[in-house]
Amino acid sequence: MTDKLAQVRRNAEYLDAYYECNKLVSLHQIYISQGKMVEQLGLWADREDTSFEAVWGTYLGYEGIKRCFMMDYGDIRDPRNEKAYTGYMCMQSINSEFVIIADDMQTARGRYMATGANVMGQVARKESDKGTAYWVYANYGFDFIKVGGKWKIWHVKMTPVLNSPYDTTWSKTAPYEGFPLRETHEDIAPKMPVFNYSPKTKYTAGMSYPAPYKTFADVAPGYGPAL
């Protein structure tokens, strides 16, 4: 009976972790769509080894995360960002979740797909991007970690699949030319060229799915999102 009770408790802990990690991913995307970047920061682990590898570059540490969301995105309630959010829309559905919780219940890894539609606002790198609507498809790898008993986002890797203007057939998609919203403050520039679907490009399935593991020290090679 004692062994069965312990297993029931462990299963409950696993399911709770699974739910909490998926909730973080949902809130991550919801806050981006709402422009609520102050709340966004609360989802991330305040650690020096936290990271976000976006299409346009990689942000390192919690300070890098703050630069990403408070400077490069900007909170919608900050009057300085009024122009940036005029005409802006970012709606992406996160789906196909696949999450593995470590045996020690201290970290977790997840693989997700995202489909959506974006519209650039009035602050854009190129005049032609202002008000332009895009179809956006991407793969995401998330690492999660428990901090003070609460699950937090630890590492994120975004792998693009398609970024195509709404009025352009996907078979005529142009090469990726950088983050169109405005100048960014990443720590590491992206490796170019960044993949973007083209009928002349070999198809890539993106990220593989995370495998079961005991502790994050077992994850190889190195550490980072589910590659």
Protein backbone atom coordinates (compact mmCIF):
# COMPACT_ATOMS: atom_id res chain seq x y z
CA MET A 1 0.00 0.00 0.00
CA THR A 2 2.85 2.37 0.85
CA ASP A 3 4.48 1.86 -2.56
CA LYS A 4 1.18 2.39 -4.38
CA LEU A 5 0.49 5.58 -2.42
CA ALA A 6 3.98 6.88 -3.24
CA GLN A 7 3.40 6.16 -6.94
CA VAL A 8 0.04 7.93 -6.88
CA ARG A 9 1.67 10.98 -5.30
CA ARG A 10 4.48 10.94 -7.84
CA ASN A 11 1.99 10.68 -10.72
CA ALA A 12 0.07 13.63 -9.30
CA GLU A 13 3.28 15.66 -9.02
CA TYR A 14 4.17 14.79 -12.63
CA LEU A 15 0.75 15.83 -13.93
CA ASP A 16 0.90 19.07 -11.94
CA ALA A 17 4.33 19.84 -13.44
CA TYR A 18 3.05 19.04 -16.92
CA TYR A 19 0.11 21.41 -16.43
CA GLU A 20 2.22 24.22 -14.97
CA CYS A 21 4.78 24.07 -17.79
CA ASN A 22 2.12 24.17 -20.49
CA LYS A 23 0.42 27.05 -18.69
CA LEU A 24 3.69 29.01 -18.81
CA VAL A 25 3.91 28.51 -22.57
CA SER A 26 0.30 29.62 -23.05
CA LEU A 27 0.80 32.72 -20.92
CA HIS A 28 4.06 33.50 -22.74
CA GLN A 29 2.18 33.74 -26.02
CA ILE A 30 -0.91 35.41 -24.54
CA TYR A 31 1.15 38.21 -22.98
CA ILE A 32 2.99 38.79 -26.28
CA SER A 33 -0.34 39.07 -28.11
CA GLN A 34 -1.63 41.49 -25.44
CA GLY A 35 1.57 43.51 -25.22
CA LYS A 36 1.78 42.82 -21.45
CA MET A 37 5.54 42.52 -21.11
CA VAL A 38 5.69 43.27 -17.37
CA GLU A 39 3.65 40.12 -16.75
CA GLN A 40 5.80 38.31 -19.32
CA LEU A 41 8.92 38.87 -17.21
CA GLY A 42 7.26 37.13 -14.28
CA LEU A 43 7.17 33.86 -16.25
CA TRP A 44 10.96 33.61 -16.58
CA ALA A 45 13.59 32.27 -14.18
CA ASP A 46 15.66 35.10 -12.69
CA ARG A 47 18.97 33.36 -13.36
CA GLU A 48 22.20 34.19 -15.17
CA ASP A 49 21.86 31.07 -17.35
CA THR A 50 18.35 31.88 -18.58
CA SER A 51 18.24 32.40 -22.36
CA PHE A 52 15.93 33.16 -25.25
CA GLU A 53 17.14 32.24 -28.74
CA ALA A 54 14.83 34.16 -31.06
CA VAL A 55 14.93 34.36 -34.84
CA TRP A 56 16.65 37.75 -34.70
CA GLY A 57 19.23 36.89 -32.01
CA THR A 58 19.86 35.38 -28.58
CA TYR A 59 19.32 37.08 -25.21
CA LEU A 60 21.39 35.86 -22.27
CA GLY A 61 20.51 35.95 -18.58
CA TYR A 62 17.50 37.53 -16.95
CA GLU A 63 18.89 40.96 -17.85
CA GLY A 64 18.81 39.89 -21.49
CA ILE A 65 15.21 38.73 -21.10
CA LYS A 66 14.31 42.18 -19.73
CA ARG A 67 15.95 43.87 -22.73
CA CYS A 68 14.02 41.63 -25.08
CA PHE A 69 10.57 42.24 -23.67
CA MET A 70 10.87 45.72 -22.17
CA MET A 71 13.02 47.34 -24.89
CA ASP A 72 12.60 45.35 -28.10
CA TYR A 73 8.91 44.51 -27.66
CA GLY A 74 8.01 47.11 -25.04
CA ASP A 75 4.99 47.09 -22.74
CA ILE A 76 1.81 48.32 -24.38
CA ARG A 77 0.95 50.46 -21.33
CA ASP A 78 4.15 52.48 -21.60
CA PRO A 79 3.32 55.77 -23.43
CA ARG A 80 6.67 55.56 -25.22
CA ASN A 81 5.41 52.46 -27.06
CA GLU A 82 2.13 53.91 -28.30
CA LYS A 83 3.41 54.28 -31.86
CA ALA A 84 4.91 50.78 -31.88
CA TYR A 85 1.56 49.22 -30.98
CA THR A 86 -0.50 51.28 -33.39
CA GLY A 87 -1.59 48.82 -36.07
CA TYR A 88 0.28 45.97 -34.37
CA MET A 89 -1.15 42.46 -34.02
CA CYS A 90 0.50 39.20 -32.97
CA MET A 91 -1.77 36.16 -32.73
CA GLN A 92 -0.14 32.73 -32.57
CA SER A 93 -1.60 29.44 -31.41
CA ILE A 94 0.80 27.19 -29.51
CA ASN A 95 -0.04 23.55 -30.11
CA SER A 96 1.28 19.96 -30.43
CA GLU A 97 2.80 20.15 -26.96
CA PHE A 98 5.19 17.39 -25.95
CA VAL A 99 6.65 17.74 -22.44
CA ILE A 100 9.06 15.52 -20.53
CA ILE A 101 9.51 16.07 -16.79
CA ALA A 102 12.88 15.06 -15.34
CA ASP A 103 12.93 12.16 -12.91
CA ASP A 104 14.08 14.53 -10.15
CA MET A 105 11.06 16.80 -10.84
CA GLN A 106 13.29 19.90 -10.92
CA THR A 107 13.40 20.61 -14.66
CA ALA A 108 11.36 19.82 -17.76
CA ARG A 109 11.72 20.06 -21.52
CA GLY A 110 9.00 20.77 -24.09
CA ARG A 111 8.55 20.88 -27.85
CA TYR A 112 5.78 22.98 -29.43
CA MET A 113 4.54 24.18 -32.80
CA ALA A 114 3.09 27.63 -33.42
CA THR A 115 0.88 28.94 -36.19
CA GLY A 116 -0.38 32.47 -36.46
CA ALA A 117 -0.78 35.83 -38.10
CA ASN A 118 1.16 39.03 -37.38
CA VAL A 119 0.72 42.62 -38.48
CA MET A 120 3.60 45.05 -38.09
CA GLY A 121 2.80 48.34 -36.39
CA GLN A 122 3.99 51.83 -37.20
CA VAL A 123 7.54 51.27 -35.92
CA ALA A 124 9.32 49.00 -38.36
CA ARG A 125 12.83 48.71 -39.77
CA LYS A 126 11.56 49.20 -43.30
CA GLU A 127 8.83 51.56 -44.45
CA SER A 128 7.36 48.73 -46.53
CA ASP A 129 6.82 46.63 -43.38
CA LYS A 130 4.49 49.13 -41.70
CA GLY A 131 1.01 47.63 -41.61
CA THR A 132 2.14 44.50 -43.48
CA ALA A 133 0.35 41.28 -42.53
CA TYR A 134 2.29 38.00 -42.27
CA TRP A 135 1.58 34.30 -41.89
CA VAL A 136 3.98 32.96 -39.26
CA TYR A 137 4.84 29.33 -38.50
CA ALA A 138 7.56 28.23 -36.07
CA ASN A 139 8.84 25.45 -33.83
CA TYR A 140 9.64 26.12 -30.18
CA GLY A 141 11.84 24.32 -27.68
CA PHE A 142 11.27 25.21 -24.01
CA ASP A 143 13.26 24.27 -20.92
CA PHE A 144 11.60 24.79 -17.56
CA ILE A 145 13.08 24.89 -14.06
CA LYS A 146 11.67 24.97 -10.55
CA VAL A 147 12.64 28.12 -8.66
CA GLY A 148 11.50 28.42 -5.05
CA GLY A 149 8.99 25.63 -5.64
CA LYS A 150 7.46 27.31 -8.70
CA TRP A 151 7.95 26.38 -12.36
CA LYS A 152 9.55 29.04 -14.55
CA ILE A 153 10.66 29.36 -18.18
CA TRP A 154 14.41 28.75 -18.32
CA HIS A 155 15.54 28.47 -21.96
CA VAL A 156 13.61 29.02 -25.18
CA LYS A 157 14.69 28.35 -28.74
CA MET A 158 12.55 29.55 -31.64
CA THR A 159 13.09 27.84 -35.00
CA PRO A 160 11.27 29.51 -37.92
CA VAL A 161 9.43 27.57 -40.59
CA LEU A 162 7.56 30.22 -42.54
CA ASN A 163 7.29 34.01 -42.49
CA SER A 164 5.28 35.06 -45.51
CA PRO A 165 3.28 38.20 -46.38
CA TYR A 166 -0.46 37.52 -46.33
CA ASP A 167 -0.90 38.54 -49.97
CA THR A 168 2.03 36.44 -51.25
CA THR A 169 1.73 32.76 -52.04
CA TRP A 170 3.93 30.64 -49.77
CA SER A 171 5.70 29.25 -52.83
CA LYS A 172 7.13 32.74 -53.49
CA THR A 173 8.29 33.55 -49.96
CA ALA A 174 11.38 35.77 -49.85
CA PRO A 175 14.45 34.98 -47.71
CA TYR A 176 14.30 36.10 -44.07
CA GLU A 177 15.70 39.62 -43.68
CA GLY A 178 15.60 40.17 -39.92
CA PHE A 179 13.18 41.16 -37.18
CA PRO A 180 10.88 43.72 -38.83
CA LEU A 181 9.49 45.44 -35.73
CA ARG A 182 12.45 47.68 -34.81
CA GLU A 183 16.12 47.64 -33.82
CA THR A 184 16.93 44.97 -31.25
CA HIS A 185 19.33 44.56 -28.33
CA GLU A 186 20.26 40.87 -28.38
CA ASP A 187 23.52 39.52 -26.96
CA ILE A 188 24.32 37.20 -29.87
CA ALA A 189 23.44 37.90 -33.50
CA PRO A 190 21.60 35.15 -35.40
CA LYS A 191 23.37 32.71 -37.64
CA MET A 192 22.48 33.67 -41.18
CA PRO A 193 20.84 32.72 -43.38
CA VAL A 194 17.82 31.98 -41.19
CA PHE A 195 15.62 29.23 -42.59
CA ASN A 196 12.40 30.35 -44.25
CA TYR A 197 10.26 28.03 -46.33
CA SER A 198 10.87 28.14 -50.07
CA PRO A 199 10.01 25.68 -52.85
CA LYS A 200 13.75 25.65 -53.56
CA THR A 201 14.78 24.86 -49.97
CA LYS A 202 15.12 21.34 -48.61
CA TYR A 203 12.37 20.72 -46.07
CA THR A 204 13.41 20.61 -42.43
CA ALA A 205 11.30 19.10 -39.67
CA GLY A 206 12.89 21.52 -37.22
CA MET A 207 13.47 20.27 -33.69
CA SER A 208 13.36 16.72 -32.47
CA TYR A 209 11.32 15.80 -29.42
CA PRO A 210 12.90 15.67 -25.94
CA ALA A 211 13.79 12.26 -24.57
CA PRO A 212 13.22 11.08 -20.98
CA TYR A 213 16.05 12.04 -18.60
CA LYS A 214 16.93 11.87 -14.90
CA THR A 215 18.41 15.31 -14.24
CA PHE A 216 19.30 18.23 -16.48
CA ALA A 217 22.98 17.29 -16.12
CA ASP A 218 22.16 14.23 -18.23
CA VAL A 219 21.01 16.30 -21.20
CA ALA A 220 23.57 16.09 -24.00
CA PRO A 221 25.18 17.73 -25.81
CA GLY A 222 25.46 20.73 -23.51
CA TYR A 223 22.27 22.32 -22.37
CA GLY A 224 19.53 24.27 -24.06
CA PRO A 225 16.11 23.78 -25.59
CA ALA A 226 14.94 20.50 -27.06
CA LEU A 227 16.99 20.32 -30.25
